[in-house]
Amino acid sequence: MRLLLLFVALVAAPAWSAARPDAKALAALPNLSVHAPNFVASGRLEAGDIAALRKAGIRTVIDLSDDEETPDFDEATAVGDAGMAYRNLPIDGGNGLTRENVERFDKLVAAAGDTPTLIHCGSSNRVGALVAMRAALIEGQSLEAAIETGRSWGLKGLEPIVREQLAAVSARTRSAGGKAGPA
């Protein structure tokens, strides 16, 4: 029995550790934040960052940037060529902070599951904004708890818009007797 447990532990250990990105390998990324067990957030990627992502164990990249933000860098191709999955949900600043985009973001996060995943935009501000809105609208966190969650992921300049959006949803929820309308 002990031998069986030892075997299971040895076989499972590499799989467990593979689900944790190596933050040291990502130290050069702008505005890096690590979120247990398998998510990392950052600002803009450059072509030279792709090898570091792979080395760090990242398997999925969720990009919240629009292609026009990096006209000289085809991130989707670079990520794919490095053997990682690439998902793009372009968020146009505050205009992109809608319930529909939060639901799309939630699906991308859910699909990533336990896979080591990097979520990024230009500065990590949009990442933090969507994380905060997801925390409130999907996970049911209070406004202040959701804002703190978002800040830990990079929320800064979009915070007033996130607060406004979530307050509007809360007001619609109260006026609709507990059922929120679209943001």
N, C-alpha and C. Protein backbone atom coordinates (compact mmCIF):
# COMPACT_ATOMS: atom_id res chain seq x y z
N MET A 1 0.82 -1.19 0.00
CA MET A 1 0.00 0.00 0.00
C MET A 1 0.87 1.26 0.00
N ARG A 2 1.92 1.25 0.84
CA ARG A 2 2.82 2.41 0.87
C ARG A 2 3.48 2.63 -0.49
N LEU A 3 3.84 1.54 -1.12
CA LEU A 3 4.47 1.65 -2.44
C LEU A 3 3.50 2.27 -3.44
N LEU A 4 2.25 1.89 -3.38
CA LEU A 4 1.23 2.46 -4.26
C LEU A 4 1.08 3.96 -4.00
N LEU A 5 1.01 4.36 -2.73
CA LEU A 5 0.89 5.78 -2.39
C LEU A 5 2.12 6.57 -2.86
N LEU A 6 3.29 5.99 -2.68
CA LEU A 6 4.51 6.65 -3.14
C LEU A 6 4.48 6.82 -4.65
N PHE A 7 4.07 5.78 -5.36
CA PHE A 7 3.97 5.85 -6.81
C PHE A 7 3.01 6.94 -7.25
N VAL A 8 1.83 6.99 -6.64
CA VAL A 8 0.84 8.02 -6.97
C VAL A 8 1.40 9.41 -6.69
N ALA A 9 2.08 9.57 -5.56
CA ALA A 9 2.66 10.87 -5.21
C ALA A 9 3.71 11.29 -6.23
N LEU A 10 4.55 10.36 -6.64
CA LEU A 10 5.60 10.68 -7.61
C LEU A 10 5.03 11.01 -8.98
N VAL A 11 4.00 10.30 -9.38
CA VAL A 11 3.38 10.55 -10.68
C VAL A 11 2.59 11.86 -10.65
N ALA A 12 1.89 12.12 -9.56
CA ALA A 12 1.05 13.31 -9.47
C ALA A 12 1.85 14.58 -9.24
N ALA A 13 2.99 14.50 -8.60
CA ALA A 13 3.77 15.70 -8.27
C ALA A 13 4.13 16.53 -9.49
N PRO A 14 4.65 15.93 -10.57
CA PRO A 14 4.97 16.76 -11.73
C PRO A 14 3.73 17.42 -12.33
N ALA A 15 2.62 16.73 -12.36
CA ALA A 15 1.39 17.32 -12.90
C ALA A 15 0.92 18.48 -12.04
N TRP A 16 1.03 18.33 -10.72
CA TRP A 16 0.60 19.39 -9.81
C TRP A 16 1.50 20.61 -9.98
N SER A 17 2.81 20.38 -10.02
CA SER A 17 3.72 21.52 -10.14
C SER A 17 3.64 22.15 -11.52
N ALA A 18 3.27 21.38 -12.54
CA ALA A 18 3.15 21.94 -13.88
C ALA A 18 2.01 22.95 -13.96
N ALA A 19 1.05 22.88 -13.03
CA ALA A 19 -0.08 23.79 -13.05
C ALA A 19 0.26 25.13 -12.39
N ARG A 20 1.48 25.29 -11.94
CA ARG A 20 1.90 26.53 -11.29
C ARG A 20 2.95 27.21 -12.17
N PRO A 21 2.61 28.38 -12.72
CA PRO A 21 3.61 29.08 -13.53
C PRO A 21 4.82 29.48 -12.69
N ASP A 22 5.98 29.48 -13.32
CA ASP A 22 7.22 29.89 -12.66
C ASP A 22 7.32 31.41 -12.74
N ALA A 23 6.94 32.08 -11.67
CA ALA A 23 6.91 33.54 -11.64
C ALA A 23 8.29 34.14 -11.86
N LYS A 24 9.34 33.46 -11.42
CA LYS A 24 10.70 33.99 -11.60
C LYS A 24 11.03 34.13 -13.09
N ALA A 25 10.55 33.20 -13.89
CA ALA A 25 10.82 33.26 -15.33
C ALA A 25 10.06 34.40 -16.00
N LEU A 26 9.06 34.93 -15.31
CA LEU A 26 8.23 36.01 -15.86
C LEU A 26 8.55 37.38 -15.26
N ALA A 27 9.58 37.45 -14.45
CA ALA A 27 9.88 38.67 -13.69
C ALA A 27 10.02 39.92 -14.55
N ALA A 28 10.39 39.78 -15.81
CA ALA A 28 10.59 40.95 -16.68
C ALA A 28 9.28 41.50 -17.25
N LEU A 29 8.18 40.78 -17.08
CA LEU A 29 6.90 41.27 -17.62
C LEU A 29 6.44 42.50 -16.85
N PRO A 30 5.87 43.48 -17.54
CA PRO A 30 5.41 44.69 -16.85
C PRO A 30 4.18 44.41 -15.99
N ASN A 31 4.15 45.02 -14.82
CA ASN A 31 2.99 44.93 -13.91
C ASN A 31 2.58 43.49 -13.60
N LEU A 32 3.55 42.64 -13.40
CA LEU A 32 3.31 41.22 -13.13
C LEU A 32 2.62 41.02 -11.78
N SER A 33 1.61 40.18 -11.77
CA SER A 33 1.00 39.72 -10.52
C SER A 33 0.65 38.25 -10.68
N VAL A 34 0.85 37.49 -9.62
CA VAL A 34 0.64 36.04 -9.65
C VAL A 34 -0.54 35.72 -8.76
N HIS A 35 -1.43 34.88 -9.28
CA HIS A 35 -2.65 34.53 -8.56
C HIS A 35 -2.77 33.02 -8.51
N ALA A 36 -2.75 32.50 -7.29
CA ALA A 36 -2.74 31.06 -7.08
C ALA A 36 -4.02 30.44 -7.62
N PRO A 37 -3.94 29.23 -8.09
CA PRO A 37 -2.69 28.50 -8.26
C PRO A 37 -2.09 28.67 -9.65
N ASN A 38 -2.85 29.09 -10.66
CA ASN A 38 -2.33 28.98 -12.02
C ASN A 38 -2.48 30.22 -12.90
N PHE A 39 -2.86 31.35 -12.33
CA PHE A 39 -3.06 32.55 -13.15
C PHE A 39 -1.99 33.60 -12.88
N VAL A 40 -1.60 34.26 -13.95
CA VAL A 40 -0.65 35.36 -13.90
C VAL A 40 -1.24 36.49 -14.72
N ALA A 41 -1.09 37.72 -14.25
CA ALA A 41 -1.55 38.89 -15.00
C ALA A 41 -0.36 39.78 -15.30
N SER A 42 -0.43 40.48 -16.43
CA SER A 42 0.65 41.41 -16.76
C SER A 42 0.17 42.45 -17.74
N GLY A 43 1.08 43.38 -18.01
CA GLY A 43 0.85 44.37 -19.05
C GLY A 43 1.29 43.80 -20.40
N ARG A 44 1.54 44.70 -21.33
CA ARG A 44 1.83 44.36 -22.71
C ARG A 44 2.97 43.37 -22.88
N LEU A 45 2.75 42.43 -23.79
CA LEU A 45 3.80 41.48 -24.17
C LEU A 45 4.56 42.01 -25.37
N GLU A 46 5.81 41.63 -25.45
CA GLU A 46 6.63 41.90 -26.62
C GLU A 46 7.10 40.56 -27.17
N ALA A 47 7.59 40.58 -28.39
CA ALA A 47 8.01 39.33 -29.04
C ALA A 47 9.00 38.55 -28.18
N GLY A 48 9.91 39.24 -27.52
CA GLY A 48 10.91 38.57 -26.70
C GLY A 48 10.36 37.91 -25.45
N ASP A 49 9.12 38.21 -25.09
CA ASP A 49 8.53 37.63 -23.88
C ASP A 49 7.99 36.22 -24.09
N ILE A 50 7.76 35.85 -25.33
CA ILE A 50 7.08 34.57 -25.62
C ILE A 50 7.89 33.38 -25.11
N ALA A 51 9.20 33.39 -25.31
CA ALA A 51 10.03 32.29 -24.82
C ALA A 51 9.97 32.19 -23.30
N ALA A 52 9.92 33.34 -22.62
CA ALA A 52 9.82 33.33 -21.15
C ALA A 52 8.49 32.74 -20.70
N LEU A 53 7.42 33.03 -21.43
CA LEU A 53 6.12 32.44 -21.09
C LEU A 53 6.19 30.93 -21.15
N ARG A 54 6.75 30.44 -22.23
CA ARG A 54 6.87 28.99 -22.41
C ARG A 54 7.74 28.38 -21.31
N LYS A 55 8.86 29.03 -21.03
CA LYS A 55 9.77 28.54 -19.98
C LYS A 55 9.07 28.53 -18.63
N ALA A 56 8.21 29.50 -18.38
CA ALA A 56 7.50 29.60 -17.10
C ALA A 56 6.38 28.58 -16.97
N GLY A 57 6.08 27.87 -18.05
CA GLY A 57 5.03 26.86 -17.99
C GLY A 57 3.66 27.36 -18.41
N ILE A 58 3.58 28.58 -18.92
CA ILE A 58 2.30 29.11 -19.38
C ILE A 58 1.83 28.27 -20.56
N ARG A 59 0.56 27.91 -20.56
CA ARG A 59 0.00 27.11 -21.64
C ARG A 59 -1.12 27.84 -22.38
N THR A 60 -1.70 28.86 -21.75
CA THR A 60 -2.76 29.64 -22.38
C THR A 60 -2.49 31.12 -22.14
N VAL A 61 -2.70 31.92 -23.18
CA VAL A 61 -2.59 33.37 -23.08
C VAL A 61 -3.95 33.97 -23.43
N ILE A 62 -4.49 34.75 -22.51
CA ILE A 62 -5.73 35.50 -22.76
C ILE A 62 -5.33 36.96 -22.91
N ASP A 63 -5.53 37.48 -24.11
CA ASP A 63 -5.11 38.84 -24.46
C ASP A 63 -6.35 39.73 -24.53
N LEU A 64 -6.37 40.78 -23.73
CA LEU A 64 -7.50 41.71 -23.72
C LEU A 64 -7.22 42.94 -24.59
N SER A 65 -6.14 42.90 -25.36
CA SER A 65 -5.76 44.01 -26.22
C SER A 65 -6.36 43.86 -27.61
N ASP A 66 -6.49 44.98 -28.29
CA ASP A 66 -6.90 45.01 -29.69
C ASP A 66 -5.64 44.89 -30.55
N ASP A 67 -5.75 44.27 -31.71
CA ASP A 67 -4.59 44.09 -32.58
C ASP A 67 -3.90 45.41 -32.93
N GLU A 68 -4.67 46.50 -33.03
CA GLU A 68 -4.08 47.79 -33.39
C GLU A 68 -3.12 48.31 -32.31
N GLU A 69 -3.21 47.77 -31.11
CA GLU A 69 -2.32 48.23 -30.04
C GLU A 69 -0.88 47.77 -30.25
N THR A 70 -0.71 46.70 -30.99
CA THR A 70 0.63 46.17 -31.27
C THR A 70 0.75 45.85 -32.76
N PRO A 71 0.77 46.87 -33.62
CA PRO A 71 0.76 46.62 -35.06
C PRO A 71 1.99 45.88 -35.58
N ASP A 72 3.10 45.95 -34.88
CA ASP A 72 4.34 45.31 -35.34
C ASP A 72 4.58 43.94 -34.72
N PHE A 73 3.58 43.40 -34.02
CA PHE A 73 3.76 42.13 -33.31
C PHE A 73 2.49 41.31 -33.44
N ASP A 74 2.59 40.17 -34.12
CA ASP A 74 1.46 39.26 -34.27
C ASP A 74 1.49 38.26 -33.11
N GLU A 75 0.90 38.68 -32.01
CA GLU A 75 0.95 37.88 -30.78
C GLU A 75 0.29 36.52 -30.96
N ALA A 76 -0.83 36.48 -31.64
CA ALA A 76 -1.55 35.21 -31.82
C ALA A 76 -0.65 34.17 -32.49
N THR A 77 0.04 34.57 -33.54
CA THR A 77 0.93 33.66 -34.25
C THR A 77 2.12 33.26 -33.39
N ALA A 78 2.73 34.24 -32.72
CA ALA A 78 3.90 33.95 -31.88
C ALA A 78 3.56 32.99 -30.75
N VAL A 79 2.43 33.21 -30.11
CA VAL A 79 2.00 32.34 -29.01
C VAL A 79 1.69 30.93 -29.54
N GLY A 80 0.96 30.86 -30.65
CA GLY A 80 0.64 29.57 -31.25
C GLY A 80 1.88 28.82 -31.69
N ASP A 81 2.83 29.54 -32.32
CA ASP A 81 4.08 28.90 -32.76
C ASP A 81 4.89 28.35 -31.59
N ALA A 82 4.71 28.94 -30.41
CA ALA A 82 5.42 28.47 -29.21
C ALA A 82 4.67 27.33 -28.52
N GLY A 83 3.55 26.89 -29.10
CA GLY A 83 2.83 25.75 -28.56
C GLY A 83 1.83 26.08 -27.47
N MET A 84 1.48 27.35 -27.35
CA MET A 84 0.51 27.77 -26.34
C MET A 84 -0.80 28.14 -27.02
N ALA A 85 -1.89 28.04 -26.27
CA ALA A 85 -3.20 28.45 -26.77
C ALA A 85 -3.32 29.97 -26.63
N TYR A 86 -3.94 30.60 -27.61
CA TYR A 86 -4.13 32.05 -27.60
C TYR A 86 -5.62 32.36 -27.68
N ARG A 87 -6.08 33.18 -26.77
CA ARG A 87 -7.48 33.64 -26.77
C ARG A 87 -7.45 35.16 -26.73
N ASN A 88 -8.31 35.80 -27.53
CA ASN A 88 -8.35 37.25 -27.58
C ASN A 88 -9.76 37.74 -27.30
N LEU A 89 -9.87 38.64 -26.35
CA LEU A 89 -11.12 39.32 -26.04
C LEU A 89 -10.78 40.81 -25.96
N PRO A 90 -10.82 41.51 -27.11
CA PRO A 90 -10.43 42.92 -27.11
C PRO A 90 -11.38 43.76 -26.27
N ILE A 91 -10.83 44.45 -25.29
CA ILE A 91 -11.61 45.32 -24.41
C ILE A 91 -11.18 46.75 -24.69
N ASP A 92 -12.13 47.55 -25.17
CA ASP A 92 -11.87 48.94 -25.54
C ASP A 92 -12.03 49.84 -24.31
N GLY A 93 -11.06 49.77 -23.41
CA GLY A 93 -11.10 50.60 -22.21
C GLY A 93 -12.41 50.49 -21.47
N GLY A 94 -12.89 51.61 -20.95
CA GLY A 94 -14.14 51.62 -20.19
C GLY A 94 -15.35 51.22 -21.01
N ASN A 95 -15.32 51.49 -22.33
CA ASN A 95 -16.44 51.12 -23.19
C ASN A 95 -16.62 49.61 -23.29
N GLY A 96 -15.55 48.87 -23.04
CA GLY A 96 -15.62 47.41 -23.13
C GLY A 96 -16.00 46.72 -21.84
N LEU A 97 -16.24 47.50 -20.79
CA LEU A 97 -16.59 46.90 -19.50
C LEU A 97 -18.10 46.69 -19.41
N THR A 98 -18.56 45.69 -20.13
CA THR A 98 -19.98 45.36 -20.18
C THR A 98 -20.22 43.99 -19.56
N ARG A 99 -21.46 43.76 -19.19
CA ARG A 99 -21.81 42.44 -18.65
C ARG A 99 -21.50 41.35 -19.67
N GLU A 100 -21.79 41.63 -20.94
CA GLU A 100 -21.52 40.65 -22.00
C GLU A 100 -20.03 40.28 -22.03
N ASN A 101 -19.16 41.28 -21.95
CA ASN A 101 -17.72 40.99 -21.95
C ASN A 101 -17.27 40.30 -20.67
N VAL A 102 -17.89 40.63 -19.56
CA VAL A 102 -17.57 39.93 -18.30
C VAL A 102 -17.94 38.46 -18.43
N GLU A 103 -19.08 38.17 -19.04
CA GLU A 103 -19.50 36.78 -19.24
C GLU A 103 -18.56 36.06 -20.20
N ARG A 104 -18.13 36.75 -21.26
CA ARG A 104 -17.15 36.15 -22.18
C ARG A 104 -15.84 35.87 -21.46
N PHE A 105 -15.41 36.83 -20.66
CA PHE A 105 -14.17 36.67 -19.89
C PHE A 105 -14.30 35.49 -18.93
N ASP A 106 -15.44 35.39 -18.26
CA ASP A 106 -15.66 34.28 -17.33
C ASP A 106 -15.55 32.94 -18.05
N LYS A 107 -16.07 32.85 -19.26
CA LYS A 107 -15.97 31.61 -20.03
C LYS A 107 -14.52 31.28 -20.38
N LEU A 108 -13.74 32.32 -20.73
CA LEU A 108 -12.33 32.09 -21.03
C LEU A 108 -11.57 31.61 -19.79
N VAL A 109 -11.85 32.23 -18.66
CA VAL A 109 -11.19 31.84 -17.40
C VAL A 109 -11.61 30.41 -17.03
N ALA A 110 -12.89 30.11 -17.16
CA ALA A 110 -13.37 28.76 -16.84
C ALA A 110 -12.75 27.73 -17.77
N ALA A 111 -12.65 28.07 -19.05
CA ALA A 111 -12.06 27.13 -20.02
C ALA A 111 -10.58 26.89 -19.73
N ALA A 112 -9.90 27.89 -19.19
CA ALA A 112 -8.48 27.72 -18.84
C ALA A 112 -8.33 26.69 -17.72
N GLY A 113 -9.33 26.62 -16.85
CA GLY A 113 -9.31 25.63 -15.77
C GLY A 113 -8.04 25.70 -14.95
N ASP A 114 -7.36 24.56 -14.84
CA ASP A 114 -6.12 24.47 -14.07
C ASP A 114 -4.87 24.72 -14.91
N THR A 115 -5.07 25.09 -16.17
CA THR A 115 -3.94 25.33 -17.07
C THR A 115 -3.21 26.60 -16.67
N PRO A 116 -1.89 26.58 -16.60
CA PRO A 116 -1.15 27.82 -16.32
C PRO A 116 -1.47 28.87 -17.39
N THR A 117 -2.01 29.99 -16.96
CA THR A 117 -2.58 30.98 -17.88
C THR A 117 -2.09 32.38 -17.56
N LEU A 118 -1.72 33.11 -18.61
CA LEU A 118 -1.40 34.53 -18.50
C LEU A 118 -2.57 35.32 -19.06
N ILE A 119 -3.04 36.30 -18.30
CA ILE A 119 -4.07 37.23 -18.78
C ILE A 119 -3.41 38.60 -18.83
N HIS A 120 -3.49 39.27 -19.98
CA HIS A 120 -2.80 40.55 -20.09
C HIS A 120 -3.54 41.54 -20.98
N CYS A 121 -3.15 42.79 -20.84
CA CYS A 121 -3.58 43.88 -21.72
C CYS A 121 -2.39 44.83 -21.81
N GLY A 122 -2.62 46.10 -22.04
CA GLY A 122 -1.52 47.04 -22.16
C GLY A 122 -0.78 47.28 -20.85
N SER A 123 -1.53 47.36 -19.75
CA SER A 123 -0.91 47.69 -18.46
C SER A 123 -1.37 46.79 -17.31
N SER A 124 -2.33 45.94 -17.55
CA SER A 124 -3.01 45.08 -16.58
C SER A 124 -4.21 45.77 -15.96
N ASN A 125 -4.50 47.00 -16.36
CA ASN A 125 -5.65 47.74 -15.86
C ASN A 125 -6.97 47.10 -16.32
N ARG A 126 -7.07 46.75 -17.60
CA ARG A 126 -8.28 46.10 -18.11
C ARG A 126 -8.44 44.71 -17.51
N VAL A 127 -7.31 44.03 -17.27
CA VAL A 127 -7.37 42.72 -16.60
C VAL A 127 -8.02 42.90 -15.23
N GLY A 128 -7.50 43.83 -14.44
CA GLY A 128 -8.04 44.08 -13.11
C GLY A 128 -9.49 44.51 -13.14
N ALA A 129 -9.86 45.31 -14.15
CA ALA A 129 -11.25 45.77 -14.27
C ALA A 129 -12.19 44.59 -14.51
N LEU A 130 -11.83 43.72 -15.45
CA LEU A 130 -12.69 42.57 -15.73
C LEU A 130 -12.72 41.59 -14.57
N VAL A 131 -11.59 41.41 -13.91
CA VAL A 131 -11.56 40.52 -12.74
C VAL A 131 -12.47 41.08 -11.65
N ALA A 132 -12.43 42.39 -11.42
CA ALA A 132 -13.30 43.00 -10.40
C ALA A 132 -14.77 42.83 -10.76
N MET A 133 -15.10 43.09 -12.02
CA MET A 133 -16.50 42.95 -12.43
C MET A 133 -16.95 41.50 -12.37
N ARG A 134 -16.07 40.58 -12.74
CA ARG A 134 -16.40 39.15 -12.65
C ARG A 134 -16.61 38.76 -11.19
N ALA A 135 -15.75 39.28 -10.30
CA ALA A 135 -15.87 38.96 -8.88
C ALA A 135 -17.22 39.41 -8.34
N ALA A 136 -17.69 40.57 -8.77
CA ALA A 136 -18.98 41.08 -8.29
C ALA A 136 -20.16 40.41 -8.99
N LEU A 137 -20.13 40.38 -10.32
CA LEU A 137 -21.29 39.93 -11.09
C LEU A 137 -21.44 38.42 -11.17
N ILE A 138 -20.33 37.70 -11.21
CA ILE A 138 -20.38 36.24 -11.35
C ILE A 138 -20.21 35.54 -10.01
N GLU A 139 -19.23 36.01 -9.23
CA GLU A 139 -18.92 35.34 -7.96
C GLU A 139 -19.70 35.90 -6.78
N GLY A 140 -20.36 37.05 -6.96
CA GLY A 140 -21.19 37.61 -5.89
C GLY A 140 -20.44 38.35 -4.80
N GLN A 141 -19.20 38.77 -5.06
CA GLN A 141 -18.47 39.54 -4.05
C GLN A 141 -19.11 40.93 -3.89
N SER A 142 -18.93 41.50 -2.71
CA SER A 142 -19.39 42.87 -2.48
C SER A 142 -18.57 43.81 -3.36
N LEU A 143 -19.08 45.02 -3.54
CA LEU A 143 -18.38 46.01 -4.36
C LEU A 143 -16.95 46.22 -3.89
N GLU A 144 -16.77 46.47 -2.60
CA GLU A 144 -15.42 46.75 -2.09
C GLU A 144 -14.50 45.54 -2.20
N ALA A 145 -15.03 44.36 -1.93
CA ALA A 145 -14.20 43.15 -2.07
C ALA A 145 -13.81 42.94 -3.53
N ALA A 146 -14.75 43.17 -4.45
CA ALA A 146 -14.47 43.02 -5.87
C ALA A 146 -13.41 44.03 -6.33
N ILE A 147 -13.52 45.26 -5.85
CA ILE A 147 -12.54 46.30 -6.21
C ILE A 147 -11.15 45.90 -5.70
N GLU A 148 -11.07 45.41 -4.47
CA GLU A 148 -9.77 44.97 -3.93
C GLU A 148 -9.21 43.81 -4.75
N THR A 149 -10.08 42.89 -5.14
CA THR A 149 -9.64 41.78 -5.98
C THR A 149 -9.08 42.33 -7.29
N GLY A 150 -9.82 43.24 -7.90
CA GLY A 150 -9.37 43.84 -9.15
C GLY A 150 -8.05 44.57 -9.01
N ARG A 151 -7.89 45.31 -7.92
CA ARG A 151 -6.62 46.03 -7.70
C ARG A 151 -5.44 45.06 -7.63
N SER A 152 -5.66 43.90 -7.01
CA SER A 152 -4.56 42.94 -6.90
C SER A 152 -4.16 42.38 -8.27
N TRP A 153 -5.05 42.52 -9.25
CA TRP A 153 -4.78 42.06 -10.62
C TRP A 153 -4.35 43.21 -11.53
N GLY A 154 -4.32 44.44 -11.04
CA GLY A 154 -3.84 45.55 -11.85
C GLY A 154 -4.81 46.69 -12.07
N LEU A 155 -6.00 46.63 -11.48
CA LEU A 155 -6.99 47.70 -11.65
C LEU A 155 -6.44 49.01 -11.10
N LYS A 156 -6.48 50.05 -11.93
CA LYS A 156 -6.04 51.38 -11.50
C LYS A 156 -6.99 52.42 -12.08
N GLY A 157 -6.66 52.94 -13.25
CA GLY A 157 -7.40 54.04 -13.85
C GLY A 157 -8.84 53.74 -14.21
N LEU A 158 -9.18 52.48 -14.42
CA LEU A 158 -10.55 52.13 -14.76
C LEU A 158 -11.43 51.92 -13.53
N GLU A 159 -10.87 52.07 -12.34
CA GLU A 159 -11.65 51.83 -11.12
C GLU A 159 -12.93 52.67 -11.06
N PRO A 160 -12.91 53.98 -11.37
CA PRO A 160 -14.17 54.74 -11.31
C PRO A 160 -15.24 54.20 -12.24
N ILE A 161 -14.84 53.73 -13.42
CA ILE A 161 -15.82 53.18 -14.36
C ILE A 161 -16.35 51.85 -13.84
N VAL A 162 -15.48 51.02 -13.27
CA VAL A 162 -15.92 49.75 -12.69
C VAL A 162 -16.92 50.02 -11.58
N ARG A 163 -16.60 50.95 -10.71
CA ARG A 163 -17.53 51.30 -9.62
C ARG A 163 -18.87 51.77 -10.18
N GLU A 164 -18.83 52.61 -11.20
CA GLU A 164 -20.06 53.13 -11.81
C GLU A 164 -20.89 52.00 -12.42
N GLN A 165 -20.23 51.11 -13.16
CA GLN A 165 -20.93 49.98 -13.78
C GLN A 165 -21.57 49.07 -12.72
N LEU A 166 -20.80 48.76 -11.69
CA LEU A 166 -21.33 47.86 -10.65
C LEU A 166 -22.43 48.52 -9.84
N ALA A 167 -22.32 49.82 -9.60
CA ALA A 167 -23.39 50.54 -8.90
C ALA A 167 -24.66 50.54 -9.74
N ALA A 168 -24.52 50.70 -11.05
CA ALA A 168 -25.68 50.69 -11.93
C ALA A 168 -26.36 49.32 -11.93
N VAL A 169 -25.56 48.27 -11.95
CA VAL A 169 -26.12 46.91 -11.90
C VAL A 169 -26.84 46.71 -10.57
N SER A 170 -26.23 47.16 -9.49
CA SER A 170 -26.84 47.03 -8.16
C SER A 170 -28.16 47.78 -8.10
N ALA A 171 -28.21 48.98 -8.67
CA ALA A 171 -29.45 49.76 -8.68
C ALA A 171 -30.53 49.06 -9.50
N ARG A 172 -30.14 48.50 -10.66
CA ARG A 172 -31.12 47.78 -11.48
C ARG A 172 -31.61 46.53 -10.76
N THR A 173 -30.71 45.88 -10.03
CA THR A 173 -31.09 44.69 -9.28
C THR A 173 -32.13 45.03 -8.22
N ARG A 174 -31.88 46.11 -7.50
CA ARG A 174 -32.84 46.52 -6.46
C ARG A 174 -34.19 46.89 -7.07
N SER A 175 -34.18 47.62 -8.17
CA SER A 175 -35.44 48.07 -8.77
C SER A 175 -36.18 46.93 -9.47
N ALA A 176 -35.46 45.89 -9.86
CA ALA A 176 -36.09 44.75 -10.52
C ALA A 176 -36.43 43.64 -9.53
N GLY A 177 -36.32 43.93 -8.26
CA GLY A 177 -36.67 42.92 -7.26
C GLY A 177 -35.67 41.79 -7.16
N GLY A 178 -34.39 42.10 -7.38
CA GLY A 178 -33.36 41.08 -7.19
C GLY A 178 -32.80 40.51 -8.47
N LYS A 179 -33.31 40.91 -9.64
CA LYS A 179 -32.79 40.39 -10.90
C LYS A 179 -32.13 41.53 -11.67
N ALA A 180 -30.83 41.39 -11.88
CA ALA A 180 -30.07 42.45 -12.55
C ALA A 180 -30.30 42.42 -14.05
N GLY A 181 -30.39 43.60 -14.62
CA GLY A 181 -30.44 43.74 -16.06
C GLY A 181 -29.03 43.81 -16.61
N PRO A 182 -28.88 43.93 -17.92
CA PRO A 182 -27.54 43.97 -18.50
C PRO A 182 -26.79 45.23 -18.13
N ALA A 183 -25.49 45.09 -18.01
CA ALA A 183 -24.63 46.25 -17.72
C ALA A 183 -24.28 46.96 -19.00
